[in-house]
Amino acid sequence: ELPDCTKRQVIEKLTGDLIYTRNGA
């Protein structure tokens, strides 16, 4: 799914998956 599929791109997308819910948001 990533345009160039560099190692940094994969790492950036993984950090974006670190999601939690606080006060319903």
PDB file of all heavy atoms in Angstrom:
ATOM      1  N   GLU A   1       0.820  -1.210   0.000  1.00  0.00           N
ATOM      2  CA  GLU A   1       0.000   0.000   0.000  1.00  0.00           C
ATOM      3  C   GLU A   1       0.860   1.269   0.000  1.00  0.00           C
ATOM      4  O   GLU A   1       0.389   2.344  -0.355  1.00  0.00           O
ATOM      5  CB  GLU A   1      -0.911   0.020   1.238  1.00  0.00           C
ATOM      6  CG  GLU A   1      -1.868  -1.156   1.344  1.00  0.00           C
ATOM      7  CD  GLU A   1      -2.601  -1.161   2.673  1.00  0.00           C
ATOM      8  OE1 GLU A   1      -2.544  -0.133   3.386  1.00  0.00           O
ATOM      9  OE2 GLU A   1      -3.228  -2.181   3.011  1.00  0.00           O
ATOM     10  N   LEU A   2       2.101   1.150   0.430  1.00  0.00           N
ATOM     11  CA  LEU A   2       2.982   2.317   0.533  1.00  0.00           C
ATOM     12  C   LEU A   2       3.611   2.609  -0.820  1.00  0.00           C
ATOM     13  O   LEU A   2       3.992   1.692  -1.552  1.00  0.00           O
ATOM     14  CB  LEU A   2       4.066   2.054   1.582  1.00  0.00           C
ATOM     15  CG  LEU A   2       3.532   1.692   2.979  1.00  0.00           C
ATOM     16  CD1 LEU A   2       4.679   1.325   3.910  1.00  0.00           C
ATOM     17  CD2 LEU A   2       2.723   2.843   3.553  1.00  0.00           C
ATOM     18  N   PRO A   3       3.775   3.895  -1.183  1.00  0.00           N
ATOM     19  CA  PRO A   3       4.266   4.247  -2.528  1.00  0.00           C
ATOM     20  C   PRO A   3       5.664   3.719  -2.838  1.00  0.00           C
ATOM     21  O   PRO A   3       5.901   3.200  -3.939  1.00  0.00           O
ATOM     22  CB  PRO A   3       4.230   5.780  -2.530  1.00  0.00           C
ATOM     23  CG  PRO A   3       4.202   6.173  -1.080  1.00  0.00           C
ATOM     24  CD  PRO A   3       3.484   5.078  -0.367  1.00  0.00           C
ATOM     25  N   ASP A   4       6.608   3.869  -1.928  1.00  0.00           N
ATOM     26  CA  ASP A   4       7.973   3.413  -2.171  1.00  0.00           C
ATOM     27  C   ASP A   4       8.353   2.222  -1.312  1.00  0.00           C
ATOM     28  O   ASP A   4       9.355   1.564  -1.563  1.00  0.00           O
ATOM     29  CB  ASP A   4       8.965   4.553  -1.905  1.00  0.00           C
ATOM     30  CG  ASP A   4       8.695   5.764  -2.798  1.00  0.00           C
ATOM     31  OD1 ASP A   4       8.463   5.546  -4.000  1.00  0.00           O
ATOM     32  OD2 ASP A   4       8.709   6.889  -2.288  1.00  0.00           O
ATOM     33  N   CYS A   5       7.580   1.999  -0.262  1.00  0.00           N
ATOM     34  CA  CYS A   5       7.788   0.881   0.662  1.00  0.00           C
ATOM     35  C   CYS A   5       9.196   0.888   1.247  1.00  0.00           C
ATOM     36  O   CYS A   5       9.902  -0.130   1.249  1.00  0.00           O
ATOM     37  CB  CYS A   5       7.503  -0.454  -0.033  1.00  0.00           C
ATOM     38  SG  CYS A   5       7.190  -1.781   1.153  1.00  0.00           S
ATOM     39  N   THR A   6       9.638   2.050   1.696  1.00  0.00           N
ATOM     40  CA  THR A   6      10.918   2.126   2.388  1.00  0.00           C
ATOM     41  C   THR A   6      10.734   1.673   3.834  1.00  0.00           C
ATOM     42  O   THR A   6       9.616   1.614   4.359  1.00  0.00           O
ATOM     43  CB  THR A   6      11.467   3.559   2.376  1.00  0.00           C
ATOM     44  OG1 THR A   6      10.574   4.408   3.123  1.00  0.00           O
ATOM     45  CG2 THR A   6      11.606   4.079   0.955  1.00  0.00           C
ATOM     46  N   LYS A   7      11.834   1.356   4.446  1.00  0.00           N
ATOM     47  CA  LYS A   7      11.779   0.914   5.841  1.00  0.00           C
ATOM     48  C   LYS A   7      11.199   2.014   6.724  1.00  0.00           C
ATOM     49  O   LYS A   7      10.397   1.762   7.621  1.00  0.00           O
ATOM     50  CB  LYS A   7      13.182   0.528   6.311  1.00  0.00           C
ATOM     51  CG  LYS A   7      13.200  -0.201   7.639  1.00  0.00           C
ATOM     52  CD  LYS A   7      14.572  -0.774   7.931  1.00  0.00           C
ATOM     53  CE  LYS A   7      14.538  -1.588   9.222  1.00  0.00           C
ATOM     54  NZ  LYS A   7      15.851  -2.219   9.506  1.00  0.00           N
ATOM     55  N   ARG A   8      11.596   3.262   6.469  1.00  0.00           N
ATOM     56  CA  ARG A   8      11.077   4.373   7.266  1.00  0.00           C
ATOM     57  C   ARG A   8       9.570   4.526   7.088  1.00  0.00           C
ATOM     58  O   ARG A   8       8.850   4.815   8.048  1.00  0.00           O
ATOM     59  CB  ARG A   8      11.795   5.666   6.900  1.00  0.00           C
ATOM     60  CG  ARG A   8      11.328   6.857   7.739  1.00  0.00           C
ATOM     61  CD  ARG A   8      11.924   8.171   7.269  1.00  0.00           C
ATOM     62  NE  ARG A   8      11.250   9.299   7.889  1.00  0.00           N
ATOM     63  CZ  ARG A   8      11.657   9.910   8.989  1.00  0.00           C
ATOM     64  NH1 ARG A   8      12.756   9.510   9.590  1.00  0.00           N
ATOM     65  NH2 ARG A   8      10.982  10.926   9.475  1.00  0.00           N
ATOM     66  N   GLN A   9       9.068   4.335   5.856  1.00  0.00           N
ATOM     67  CA  GLN A   9       7.630   4.436   5.630  1.00  0.00           C
ATOM     68  C   GLN A   9       6.862   3.409   6.454  1.00  0.00           C
ATOM     69  O   GLN A   9       5.811   3.711   7.035  1.00  0.00           O
ATOM     70  CB  GLN A   9       7.308   4.257   4.149  1.00  0.00           C
ATOM     71  CG  GLN A   9       7.591   5.469   3.282  1.00  0.00           C
ATOM     72  CD  GLN A   9       7.197   5.231   1.842  1.00  0.00           C
ATOM     73  OE1 GLN A   9       7.391   4.133   1.307  1.00  0.00           O
ATOM     74  NE2 GLN A   9       6.649   6.252   1.206  1.00  0.00           N
ATOM     75  N   VAL A  10       7.371   2.204   6.500  1.00  0.00           N
ATOM     76  CA  VAL A  10       6.723   1.141   7.278  1.00  0.00           C
ATOM     77  C   VAL A  10       6.705   1.528   8.758  1.00  0.00           C
ATOM     78  O   VAL A  10       5.693   1.376   9.452  1.00  0.00           O
ATOM     79  CB  VAL A  10       7.444  -0.208   7.076  1.00  0.00           C
ATOM     80  CG1 VAL A  10       6.886  -1.266   8.020  1.00  0.00           C
ATOM     81  CG2 VAL A  10       7.302  -0.670   5.628  1.00  0.00           C
ATOM     82  N   ILE A  11       7.832   2.047   9.241  1.00  0.00           N
ATOM     83  CA  ILE A  11       7.923   2.441  10.646  1.00  0.00           C
ATOM     84  C   ILE A  11       6.958   3.583  10.938  1.00  0.00           C
ATOM     85  O   ILE A  11       6.265   3.593  11.971  1.00  0.00           O
ATOM     86  CB  ILE A  11       9.372   2.832  11.004  1.00  0.00           C
ATOM     87  CG1 ILE A  11      10.269   1.582  10.955  1.00  0.00           C
ATOM     88  CG2 ILE A  11       9.458   3.492  12.368  1.00  0.00           C
ATOM     89  CD1 ILE A  11      11.747   1.890  11.037  1.00  0.00           C
ATOM     90  N   GLU A  12       6.874   4.564  10.046  1.00  0.00           N
ATOM     91  CA  GLU A  12       5.962   5.690  10.243  1.00  0.00           C
ATOM     92  C   GLU A  12       4.507   5.226  10.294  1.00  0.00           C
ATOM     93  O   GLU A  12       3.712   5.709  11.110  1.00  0.00           O
ATOM     94  CB  GLU A  12       6.142   6.721   9.130  1.00  0.00           C
ATOM     95  CG  GLU A  12       7.437   7.525   9.226  1.00  0.00           C
ATOM     96  CD  GLU A  12       7.630   8.457   8.060  1.00  0.00           C
ATOM     97  OE1 GLU A  12       6.990   8.216   6.992  1.00  0.00           O
ATOM     98  OE2 GLU A  12       8.398   9.422   8.177  1.00  0.00           O
ATOM     99  N   LYS A  13       4.160   4.285   9.413  1.00  0.00           N
ATOM    100  CA  LYS A  13       2.774   3.788   9.401  1.00  0.00           C
ATOM    101  C   LYS A  13       2.474   2.999  10.677  1.00  0.00           C
ATOM    102  O   LYS A  13       1.374   3.088  11.229  1.00  0.00           O
ATOM    103  CB  LYS A  13       2.525   2.928   8.166  1.00  0.00           C
ATOM    104  CG  LYS A  13       1.065   2.514   8.003  1.00  0.00           C
ATOM    105  CD  LYS A  13       0.773   1.997   6.631  1.00  0.00           C
ATOM    106  CE  LYS A  13      -0.667   1.502   6.492  1.00  0.00           C
ATOM    107  NZ  LYS A  13      -1.658   2.552   6.797  1.00  0.00           N
ATOM    108  N   LEU A  14       3.440   2.257  11.161  1.00  0.00           N
ATOM    109  CA  LEU A  14       3.236   1.520  12.408  1.00  0.00           C
ATOM    110  C   LEU A  14       3.050   2.459  13.598  1.00  0.00           C
ATOM    111  O   LEU A  14       2.197   2.223  14.459  1.00  0.00           O
ATOM    112  CB  LEU A  14       4.415   0.578  12.663  1.00  0.00           C
ATOM    113  CG  LEU A  14       4.459  -0.692  11.811  1.00  0.00           C
ATOM    114  CD1 LEU A  14       5.809  -1.387  11.939  1.00  0.00           C
ATOM    115  CD2 LEU A  14       3.339  -1.649  12.200  1.00  0.00           C
ATOM    116  N   THR A  15       3.832   3.528  13.649  1.00  0.00           N
ATOM    117  CA  THR A  15       3.644   4.490  14.748  1.00  0.00           C
ATOM    118  C   THR A  15       2.259   5.127  14.667  1.00  0.00           C
ATOM    119  O   THR A  15       1.664   5.451  15.694  1.00  0.00           O
ATOM    120  CB  THR A  15       4.719   5.592  14.732  1.00  0.00           C
ATOM    121  OG1 THR A  15       4.679   6.306  13.486  1.00  0.00           O
ATOM    122  CG2 THR A  15       6.114   4.993  14.907  1.00  0.00           C
ATOM    123  N   GLY A  16       1.730   5.276  13.453  1.00  0.00           N
ATOM    124  CA  GLY A  16       0.378   5.813  13.299  1.00  0.00           C
ATOM    125  C   GLY A  16      -0.703   4.864  13.788  1.00  0.00           C
ATOM    126  O   GLY A  16      -1.846   5.276  14.023  1.00  0.00           O
ATOM    127  N   ASP A  17      -0.360   3.581  13.927  1.00  0.00           N
ATOM    128  CA  ASP A  17      -1.317   2.583  14.427  1.00  0.00           C
ATOM    129  C   ASP A  17      -1.362   2.530  15.953  1.00  0.00           C
ATOM    130  O   ASP A  17      -2.153   1.768  16.520  1.00  0.00           O
ATOM    131  CB  ASP A  17      -0.957   1.191  13.903  1.00  0.00           C
ATOM    132  CG  ASP A  17      -1.247   1.022  12.421  1.00  0.00           C
ATOM    133  OD1 ASP A  17      -2.015   1.832  11.876  1.00  0.00           O
ATOM    134  OD2 ASP A  17      -0.707   0.083  11.809  1.00  0.00           O
ATOM    135  N   LEU A  18      -0.513   3.307  16.616  1.00  0.00           N
ATOM    136  CA  LEU A  18      -0.518   3.323  18.087  1.00  0.00           C
ATOM    137  C   LEU A  18      -1.636   4.256  18.550  1.00  0.00           C
ATOM    138  O   LEU A  18      -1.430   5.422  18.858  1.00  0.00           O
ATOM    139  CB  LEU A  18       0.847   3.785  18.611  1.00  0.00           C
ATOM    140  CG  LEU A  18       2.030   2.864  18.281  1.00  0.00           C
ATOM    141  CD1 LEU A  18       3.344   3.508  18.696  1.00  0.00           C
ATOM    142  CD2 LEU A  18       1.870   1.506  18.962  1.00  0.00           C
ATOM    143  N   ILE A  19      -2.842   3.707  18.587  1.00  0.00           N
ATOM    144  CA  ILE A  19      -4.051   4.486  18.841  1.00  0.00           C
ATOM    145  C   ILE A  19      -4.704   3.994  20.125  1.00  0.00           C
ATOM    146  O   ILE A  19      -4.715   2.808  20.435  1.00  0.00           O
ATOM    147  CB  ILE A  19      -5.029   4.359  17.659  1.00  0.00           C
ATOM    148  CG1 ILE A  19      -4.384   4.940  16.385  1.00  0.00           C
ATOM    149  CG2 ILE A  19      -6.345   5.063  17.950  1.00  0.00           C
ATOM    150  CD1 ILE A  19      -5.188   4.688  15.136  1.00  0.00           C
ATOM    151  N   TYR A  20      -5.252   4.933  20.880  1.00  0.00           N
ATOM    152  CA  TYR A  20      -6.005   4.595  22.086  1.00  0.00           C
ATOM    153  C   TYR A  20      -7.214   5.514  22.183  1.00  0.00           C
ATOM    154  O   TYR A  20      -7.319   6.519  21.456  1.00  0.00           O
ATOM    155  CB  TYR A  20      -5.120   4.725  23.331  1.00  0.00           C
ATOM    156  CG  TYR A  20      -4.578   6.119  23.575  1.00  0.00           C
ATOM    157  CD1 TYR A  20      -5.187   6.979  24.479  1.00  0.00           C
ATOM    158  CD2 TYR A  20      -3.455   6.584  22.883  1.00  0.00           C
ATOM    159  CE1 TYR A  20      -4.697   8.258  24.696  1.00  0.00           C
ATOM    160  CE2 TYR A  20      -2.957   7.865  23.099  1.00  0.00           C
ATOM    161  CZ  TYR A  20      -3.588   8.699  24.001  1.00  0.00           C
ATOM    162  OH  TYR A  20      -3.113   9.953  24.214  1.00  0.00           O
ATOM    163  N   THR A  21      -8.133   5.168  23.052  1.00  0.00           N
ATOM    164  CA  THR A  21      -9.366   5.955  23.223  1.00  0.00           C
ATOM    165  C   THR A  21      -9.346   6.648  24.576  1.00  0.00           C
ATOM    166  O   THR A  21      -9.107   6.016  25.608  1.00  0.00           O
ATOM    167  CB  THR A  21     -10.612   5.058  23.125  1.00  0.00           C
ATOM    168  OG1 THR A  21     -10.621   4.396  21.853  1.00  0.00           O
ATOM    169  CG2 THR A  21     -11.881   5.886  23.267  1.00  0.00           C
ATOM    170  N   ARG A  22      -9.573   7.952  24.563  1.00  0.00           N
ATOM    171  CA  ARG A  22      -9.648   8.728  25.795  1.00  0.00           C
ATOM    172  C   ARG A  22     -10.883   9.617  25.736  1.00  0.00           C
ATOM    173  O   ARG A  22     -11.058  10.373  24.786  1.00  0.00           O
ATOM    174  CB  ARG A  22      -8.390   9.576  25.988  1.00  0.00           C
ATOM    175  CG  ARG A  22      -8.421  10.468  27.232  1.00  0.00           C
ATOM    176  CD  ARG A  22      -7.143  11.284  27.352  1.00  0.00           C
ATOM    177  NE  ARG A  22      -6.018  10.452  27.720  1.00  0.00           N
ATOM    178  CZ  ARG A  22      -4.750  10.909  27.753  1.00  0.00           C
ATOM    179  NH1 ARG A  22      -4.501  12.162  27.446  1.00  0.00           N
ATOM    180  NH2 ARG A  22      -3.771  10.099  28.090  1.00  0.00           N
ATOM    181  N   ASN A  23     -11.733   9.500  26.731  1.00  0.00           N
ATOM    182  CA  ASN A  23     -12.974  10.272  26.807  1.00  0.00           C
ATOM    183  C   ASN A  23     -13.824  10.105  25.550  1.00  0.00           C
ATOM    184  O   ASN A  23     -14.428  11.053  25.048  1.00  0.00           O
ATOM    185  CB  ASN A  23     -12.672  11.758  27.040  1.00  0.00           C
ATOM    186  CG  ASN A  23     -11.954  12.007  28.351  1.00  0.00           C
ATOM    187  OD1 ASN A  23     -12.185  11.305  29.334  1.00  0.00           O
ATOM    188  ND2 ASN A  23     -11.071  12.990  28.367  1.00  0.00           N
ATOM    189  N   GLY A  24     -13.836   8.867  25.027  1.00  0.00           N
ATOM    190  CA  GLY A  24     -14.660   8.562  23.873  1.00  0.00           C
ATOM    191  C   GLY A  24     -14.070   8.938  22.532  1.00  0.00           C
ATOM    192  O   GLY A  24     -14.666   8.664  21.486  1.00  0.00           O
ATOM    193  N   ALA A  25     -12.887   9.557  22.532  1.00  0.00           N
ATOM    194  CA  ALA A  25     -12.267   9.984  21.273  1.00  0.00           C
ATOM    195  C   ALA A  25     -10.998   9.183  21.008  1.00  0.00           C
ATOM    196  O   ALA A  25     -10.224   8.910  21.929  1.00  0.00           O
ATOM    197  CB  ALA A  25     -11.946  11.474  21.327  1.00  0.00           C
TER     198      ALA A  25
END
